[in-house]
Amino acid sequence: MSAAKPLLIAFLTASALAGCSAEKTYDNTVDSALFVTKSAVKVTAGAAKLAVKGTGAAVRAVNGGDE
């Protein structure tokens, strides 16, 4: 019976660590997904602003800078 006790302790410790690791992995996955989504929205908004500025500059160039 003495050999079974350290194995049981090792198993319970490994199970506890695996549970913590799985929870941390889930948290990291959610955080990463939120970061990527937020970054994608910012890049899209920045590209839209750049397109508007570029269009405005093109219109001004065609009109000779009157506007």
PDB file of N, CA and C in Angstrom:
ATOM      1  N   MET A   1       0.807  -1.203   0.000  1.00  0.00           N
ATOM      2  CA  MET A   1       0.000   0.000   0.000  1.00  0.00           C
ATOM      3  C   MET A   1       0.844   1.257   0.000  1.00  0.00           C
ATOM      4  N   SER A   2       2.016   1.168   0.465  1.00  0.00           N
ATOM      5  CA  SER A   2       2.867   2.335   0.568  1.00  0.00           C
ATOM      6  C   SER A   2       3.263   2.863  -0.811  1.00  0.00           C
ATOM      7  N   ALA A   3       3.393   2.005  -1.804  1.00  0.00           N
ATOM      8  CA  ALA A   3       3.744   2.447  -3.156  1.00  0.00           C
ATOM      9  C   ALA A   3       2.559   3.124  -3.838  1.00  0.00           C
ATOM     10  N   ALA A   4       1.350   2.783  -3.464  1.00  0.00           N
ATOM     11  CA  ALA A   4       0.163   3.361  -4.091  1.00  0.00           C
ATOM     12  C   ALA A   4      -0.064   4.799  -3.640  1.00  0.00           C
ATOM     13  N   LYS A   5       0.320   5.128  -2.436  1.00  0.00           N
ATOM     14  CA  LYS A   5       0.081   6.463  -1.902  1.00  0.00           C
ATOM     15  C   LYS A   5       0.842   7.542  -2.697  1.00  0.00           C
ATOM     16  N   PRO A   6       2.149   7.380  -2.977  1.00  0.00           N
ATOM     17  CA  PRO A   6       2.821   8.400  -3.784  1.00  0.00           C
ATOM     18  C   PRO A   6       2.254   8.500  -5.203  1.00  0.00           C
ATOM     19  N   LEU A   7       1.824   7.378  -5.774  1.00  0.00           N
ATOM     20  CA  LEU A   7       1.217   7.413  -7.105  1.00  0.00           C
ATOM     21  C   LEU A   7      -0.090   8.189  -7.081  1.00  0.00           C
ATOM     22  N   LEU A   8      -0.878   7.991  -6.034  1.00  0.00           N
ATOM     23  CA  LEU A   8      -2.138   8.720  -5.889  1.00  0.00           C
ATOM     24  C   LEU A   8      -1.881  10.217  -5.754  1.00  0.00           C
ATOM     25  N   ILE A   9      -0.886  10.562  -4.945  1.00  0.00           N
ATOM     26  CA  ILE A   9      -0.543  11.979  -4.770  1.00  0.00           C
ATOM     27  C   ILE A   9      -0.064  12.576  -6.095  1.00  0.00           C
ATOM     28  N   ALA A  10       0.771  11.847  -6.804  1.00  0.00           N
ATOM     29  CA  ALA A  10       1.259  12.328  -8.092  1.00  0.00           C
ATOM     30  C   ALA A  10       0.116  12.504  -9.083  1.00  0.00           C
ATOM     31  N   PHE A  11      -0.815  11.573  -9.097  1.00  0.00           N
ATOM     32  CA  PHE A  11      -1.965  11.655  -9.996  1.00  0.00           C
ATOM     33  C   PHE A  11      -2.834  12.862  -9.668  1.00  0.00           C
ATOM     34  N   LEU A  12      -3.112  13.066  -8.388  1.00  0.00           N
ATOM     35  CA  LEU A  12      -3.945  14.204  -7.987  1.00  0.00           C
ATOM     36  C   LEU A  12      -3.251  15.532  -8.290  1.00  0.00           C
ATOM     37  N   THR A  13      -1.955  15.589  -8.074  1.00  0.00           N
ATOM     38  CA  THR A  13      -1.204  16.804  -8.378  1.00  0.00           C
ATOM     39  C   THR A  13      -1.224  17.088  -9.878  1.00  0.00           C
ATOM     40  N   ALA A  14      -0.995  16.066 -10.669  1.00  0.00           N
ATOM     41  CA  ALA A  14      -1.011  16.236 -12.130  1.00  0.00           C
ATOM     42  C   ALA A  14      -2.394  16.652 -12.603  1.00  0.00           C
ATOM     43  N   SER A  15      -3.439  16.088 -12.013  1.00  0.00           N
ATOM     44  CA  SER A  15      -4.806  16.452 -12.389  1.00  0.00           C
ATOM     45  C   SER A  15      -5.094  17.899 -12.049  1.00  0.00           C
ATOM     46  N   ALA A  16      -4.648  18.333 -10.876  1.00  0.00           N
ATOM     47  CA  ALA A  16      -4.873  19.717 -10.458  1.00  0.00           C
ATOM     48  C   ALA A  16      -4.127  20.680 -11.381  1.00  0.00           C
ATOM     49  N   LEU A  17      -2.881  20.337 -11.714  1.00  0.00           N
ATOM     50  CA  LEU A  17      -2.109  21.196 -12.600  1.00  0.00           C
ATOM     51  C   LEU A  17      -2.717  21.228 -13.996  1.00  0.00           C
ATOM     52  N   ALA A  18      -3.200  20.104 -14.461  1.00  0.00           N
ATOM     53  CA  ALA A  18      -3.830  20.051 -15.780  1.00  0.00           C
ATOM     54  C   ALA A  18      -5.083  20.912 -15.805  1.00  0.00           C
ATOM     55  N   GLY A  19      -5.840  20.899 -14.722  1.00  0.00           N
ATOM     56  CA  GLY A  19      -7.046  21.724 -14.635  1.00  0.00           C
ATOM     57  C   GLY A  19      -6.708  23.198 -14.665  1.00  0.00           C
ATOM     58  N   CYS A  20      -5.688  23.596 -13.928  1.00  0.00           N
ATOM     59  CA  CYS A  20      -5.266  24.994 -13.920  1.00  0.00           C
ATOM     60  C   CYS A  20      -4.742  25.388 -15.291  1.00  0.00           C
ATOM     61  N   SER A  21      -3.992  24.514 -15.890  1.00  0.00           N
ATOM     62  CA  SER A  21      -3.424  24.801 -17.199  1.00  0.00           C
ATOM     63  C   SER A  21      -4.530  24.952 -18.250  1.00  0.00           C
ATOM     64  N   ALA A  22      -5.539  24.086 -18.177  1.00  0.00           N
ATOM     65  CA  ALA A  22      -6.643  24.163 -19.140  1.00  0.00           C
ATOM     66  C   ALA A  22      -7.410  25.466 -18.967  1.00  0.00           C
ATOM     67  N   GLU A  23      -7.617  25.882 -17.730  1.00  0.00           N
ATOM     68  CA  GLU A  23      -8.332  27.129 -17.473  1.00  0.00           C
ATOM     69  C   GLU A  23      -7.515  28.321 -17.980  1.00  0.00           C
ATOM     70  N   LYS A  24      -6.227  28.289 -17.735  1.00  0.00           N
ATOM     71  CA  LYS A  24      -5.356  29.375 -18.197  1.00  0.00           C
ATOM     72  C   LYS A  24      -5.315  29.417 -19.723  1.00  0.00           C
ATOM     73  N   THR A  25      -5.271  28.245 -20.345  1.00  0.00           N
ATOM     74  CA  THR A  25      -5.265  28.176 -21.806  1.00  0.00           C
ATOM     75  C   THR A  25      -6.548  28.775 -22.365  1.00  0.00           C
ATOM     76  N   TYR A  26      -7.678  28.456 -21.743  1.00  0.00           N
ATOM     77  CA  TYR A  26      -8.964  29.008 -22.175  1.00  0.00           C
ATOM     78  C   TYR A  26      -8.949  30.528 -22.038  1.00  0.00           C
ATOM     79  N   ASP A  27      -8.472  31.024 -20.891  1.00  0.00           N
ATOM     80  CA  ASP A  27      -8.411  32.474 -20.681  1.00  0.00           C
ATOM     81  C   ASP A  27      -7.526  33.144 -21.723  1.00  0.00           C
ATOM     82  N   ASN A  28      -6.380  32.539 -21.991  1.00  0.00           N
ATOM     83  CA  ASN A  28      -5.468  33.108 -22.979  1.00  0.00           C
ATOM     84  C   ASN A  28      -6.083  33.096 -24.370  1.00  0.00           C
ATOM     85  N   THR A  29      -6.825  32.041 -24.690  1.00  0.00           N
ATOM     86  CA  THR A  29      -7.471  31.955 -25.997  1.00  0.00           C
ATOM     87  C   THR A  29      -8.515  33.055 -26.152  1.00  0.00           C
ATOM     88  N   VAL A  30      -9.307  33.260 -25.124  1.00  0.00           N
ATOM     89  CA  VAL A  30     -10.335  34.307 -25.165  1.00  0.00           C
ATOM     90  C   VAL A  30      -9.677  35.683 -25.274  1.00  0.00           C
ATOM     91  N   ASP A  31      -8.643  35.912 -24.468  1.00  0.00           N
ATOM     92  CA  ASP A  31      -7.952  37.199 -24.520  1.00  0.00           C
ATOM     93  C   ASP A  31      -7.346  37.444 -25.901  1.00  0.00           C
ATOM     94  N   SER A  32      -6.758  36.416 -26.470  1.00  0.00           N
ATOM     95  CA  SER A  32      -6.156  36.550 -27.802  1.00  0.00           C
ATOM     96  C   SER A  32      -7.210  36.844 -28.858  1.00  0.00           C
ATOM     97  N   ALA A  33      -8.335  36.166 -28.772  1.00  0.00           N
ATOM     98  CA  ALA A  33      -9.411  36.392 -29.742  1.00  0.00           C
ATOM     99  C   ALA A  33      -9.934  37.823 -29.641  1.00  0.00           C
ATOM    100  N   LEU A  34     -10.080  38.318 -28.422  1.00  0.00           N
ATOM    101  CA  LEU A  34     -10.550  39.692 -28.247  1.00  0.00           C
ATOM    102  C   LEU A  34      -9.528  40.686 -28.794  1.00  0.00           C
ATOM    103  N   PHE A  35      -8.248  40.431 -28.559  1.00  0.00           N
ATOM    104  CA  PHE A  35      -7.200  41.322 -29.062  1.00  0.00           C
ATOM    105  C   PHE A  35      -7.196  41.355 -30.586  1.00  0.00           C
ATOM    106  N   VAL A  36      -7.304  40.180 -31.197  1.00  0.00           N
ATOM    107  CA  VAL A  36      -7.295  40.109 -32.665  1.00  0.00           C
ATOM    108  C   VAL A  36      -8.508  40.819 -33.246  1.00  0.00           C
ATOM    109  N   THR A  37      -9.669  40.616 -32.639  1.00  0.00           N
ATOM    110  CA  THR A  37     -10.891  41.270 -33.119  1.00  0.00           C
ATOM    111  C   THR A  37     -10.779  42.782 -32.992  1.00  0.00           C
ATOM    112  N   LYS A  38     -10.297  43.240 -31.835  1.00  0.00           N
ATOM    113  CA  LYS A  38     -10.147  44.675 -31.606  1.00  0.00           C
ATOM    114  C   LYS A  38      -9.155  45.277 -32.599  1.00  0.00           C
ATOM    115  N   SER A  39      -8.062  44.575 -32.833  1.00  0.00           N
ATOM    116  CA  SER A  39      -7.054  45.055 -33.785  1.00  0.00           C
ATOM    117  C   SER A  39      -7.617  45.108 -35.202  1.00  0.00           C
ATOM    118  N   ALA A  40      -8.392  44.094 -35.576  1.00  0.00           N
ATOM    119  CA  ALA A  40      -8.983  44.062 -36.917  1.00  0.00           C
ATOM    120  C   ALA A  40      -9.941  45.233 -37.119  1.00  0.00           C
ATOM    121  N   VAL A  41     -10.714  45.549 -36.092  1.00  0.00           N
ATOM    122  CA  VAL A  41     -11.645  46.680 -36.194  1.00  0.00           C
ATOM    123  C   VAL A  41     -10.871  47.979 -36.346  1.00  0.00           C
ATOM    124  N   LYS A  42      -9.798  48.137 -35.574  1.00  0.00           N
ATOM    125  CA  LYS A  42      -9.001  49.364 -35.669  1.00  0.00           C
ATOM    126  C   LYS A  42      -8.347  49.494 -37.041  1.00  0.00           C
ATOM    127  N   VAL A  43      -7.830  48.397 -37.573  1.00  0.00           N
ATOM    128  CA  VAL A  43      -7.188  48.437 -38.892  1.00  0.00           C
ATOM    129  C   VAL A  43      -8.210  48.773 -39.966  1.00  0.00           C
ATOM    130  N   THR A  44      -9.397  48.193 -39.881  1.00  0.00           N
ATOM    131  CA  THR A  44     -10.448  48.477 -40.862  1.00  0.00           C
ATOM    132  C   THR A  44     -10.877  49.938 -40.793  1.00  0.00           C
ATOM    133  N   ALA A  45     -11.036  50.453 -39.580  1.00  0.00           N
ATOM    134  CA  ALA A  45     -11.419  51.859 -39.432  1.00  0.00           C
ATOM    135  C   ALA A  45     -10.321  52.770 -39.957  1.00  0.00           C
ATOM    136  N   GLY A  46      -9.074  52.421 -39.682  1.00  0.00           N
ATOM    137  CA  GLY A  46      -7.953  53.220 -40.190  1.00  0.00           C
ATOM    138  C   GLY A  46      -7.883  53.200 -41.704  1.00  0.00           C
ATOM    139  N   ALA A  47      -8.121  52.049 -42.299  1.00  0.00           N
ATOM    140  CA  ALA A  47      -8.104  51.943 -43.758  1.00  0.00           C
ATOM    141  C   ALA A  47      -9.237  52.764 -44.373  1.00  0.00           C
ATOM    142  N   ALA A  48     -10.388  52.755 -43.725  1.00  0.00           N
ATOM    143  CA  ALA A  48     -11.517  53.543 -44.233  1.00  0.00           C
ATOM    144  C   ALA A  48     -11.196  55.035 -44.173  1.00  0.00           C
ATOM    145  N   LYS A  49     -10.593  55.482 -43.069  1.00  0.00           N
ATOM    146  CA  LYS A  49     -10.219  56.894 -42.952  1.00  0.00           C
ATOM    147  C   LYS A  49      -9.201  57.271 -44.018  1.00  0.00           C
ATOM    148  N   LEU A  50      -8.239  56.381 -44.226  1.00  0.00           N
ATOM    149  CA  LEU A  50      -7.218  56.639 -45.243  1.00  0.00           C
ATOM    150  C   LEU A  50      -7.833  56.712 -46.634  1.00  0.00           C
ATOM    151  N   ALA A  51      -8.797  55.856 -46.909  1.00  0.00           N
ATOM    152  CA  ALA A  51      -9.468  55.870 -48.213  1.00  0.00           C
ATOM    153  C   ALA A  51     -10.235  57.170 -48.410  1.00  0.00           C
ATOM    154  N   VAL A  52     -10.889  57.645 -47.368  1.00  0.00           N
ATOM    155  CA  VAL A  52     -11.639  58.904 -47.467  1.00  0.00           C
ATOM    156  C   VAL A  52     -10.686  60.065 -47.717  1.00  0.00           C
ATOM    157  N   LYS A  53      -9.571  60.088 -46.995  1.00  0.00           N
ATOM    158  CA  LYS A  53      -8.593  61.166 -47.194  1.00  0.00           C
ATOM    159  C   LYS A  53      -8.005  61.107 -48.598  1.00  0.00           C
ATOM    160  N   GLY A  54      -7.718  59.895 -49.064  1.00  0.00           N
ATOM    161  CA  GLY A  54      -7.164  59.732 -50.401  1.00  0.00           C
ATOM    162  C   GLY A  54      -8.129  60.172 -51.476  1.00  0.00           C
ATOM    163  N   THR A  55      -9.395  59.837 -51.292  1.00  0.00           N
ATOM    164  CA  THR A  55     -10.426  60.244 -52.255  1.00  0.00           C
ATOM    165  C   THR A  55     -10.560  61.757 -52.269  1.00  0.00           C
ATOM    166  N   GLY A  56     -10.538  62.357 -51.083  1.00  0.00           N
ATOM    167  CA  GLY A  56     -10.620  63.818 -51.000  1.00  0.00           C
ATOM    168  C   GLY A  56      -9.442  64.472 -51.684  1.00  0.00           C
ATOM    169  N   ALA A  57      -8.255  63.915 -51.508  1.00  0.00           N
ATOM    170  CA  ALA A  57      -7.060  64.483 -52.150  1.00  0.00           C
ATOM    171  C   ALA A  57      -7.144  64.326 -53.670  1.00  0.00           C
ATOM    172  N   ALA A  58      -7.667  63.208 -54.123  1.00  0.00           N
ATOM    173  CA  ALA A  58      -7.796  62.985 -55.567  1.00  0.00           C
ATOM    174  C   ALA A  58      -8.801  63.968 -56.167  1.00  0.00           C
ATOM    175  N   VAL A  59      -9.895  64.196 -55.491  1.00  0.00           N
ATOM    176  CA  VAL A  59     -10.913  65.152 -55.983  1.00  0.00           C
ATOM    177  C   VAL A  59     -10.319  66.549 -56.032  1.00  0.00           C
ATOM    178  N   ARG A  60      -9.575  66.936 -54.997  1.00  0.00           N
ATOM    179  CA  ARG A  60      -8.950  68.264 -54.992  1.00  0.00           C
ATOM    180  C   ARG A  60      -7.930  68.405 -56.119  1.00  0.00           C
ATOM    181  N   ALA A  61      -7.199  67.331 -56.399  1.00  0.00           N
ATOM    182  CA  ALA A  61      -6.189  67.381 -57.462  1.00  0.00           C
ATOM    183  C   ALA A  61      -6.856  67.533 -58.828  1.00  0.00           C
ATOM    184  N   VAL A  62      -7.968  66.847 -59.019  1.00  0.00           N
ATOM    185  CA  VAL A  62      -8.683  66.935 -60.299  1.00  0.00           C
ATOM    186  C   VAL A  62      -9.294  68.326 -60.470  1.00  0.00           C
ATOM    187  N   ASN A  63      -9.825  68.886 -59.408  1.00  0.00           N
ATOM    188  CA  ASN A  63     -10.469  70.196 -59.480  1.00  0.00           C
ATOM    189  C   ASN A  63      -9.463  71.353 -59.405  1.00  0.00           C
ATOM    190  N   GLY A  64      -8.223  71.042 -59.264  1.00  0.00           N
ATOM    191  CA  GLY A  64      -7.205  72.088 -59.227  1.00  0.00           C
ATOM    192  C   GLY A  64      -7.072  72.727 -57.870  1.00  0.00           C
ATOM    193  N   GLY A  65      -7.558  72.112 -56.826  1.00  0.00           N
ATOM    194  CA  GLY A  65      -7.407  72.635 -55.460  1.00  0.00           C
ATOM    195  C   GLY A  65      -8.428  73.685 -55.101  1.00  0.00           C
ATOM    196  N   ASP A  66      -9.529  73.779 -55.854  1.00  0.00           N
ATOM    197  CA  ASP A  66     -10.545  74.779 -55.575  1.00  0.00           C
ATOM    198  C   ASP A  66     -11.345  74.445 -54.323  1.00  0.00           C
ATOM    199  N   GLU A  67     -11.437  73.189 -53.965  1.00  0.00           N
ATOM    200  CA  GLU A  67     -12.300  72.813 -52.847  1.00  0.00           C
ATOM    201  C   GLU A  67     -11.539  72.691 -51.581  1.00  0.00           C
TER     202      GLU A  67
END
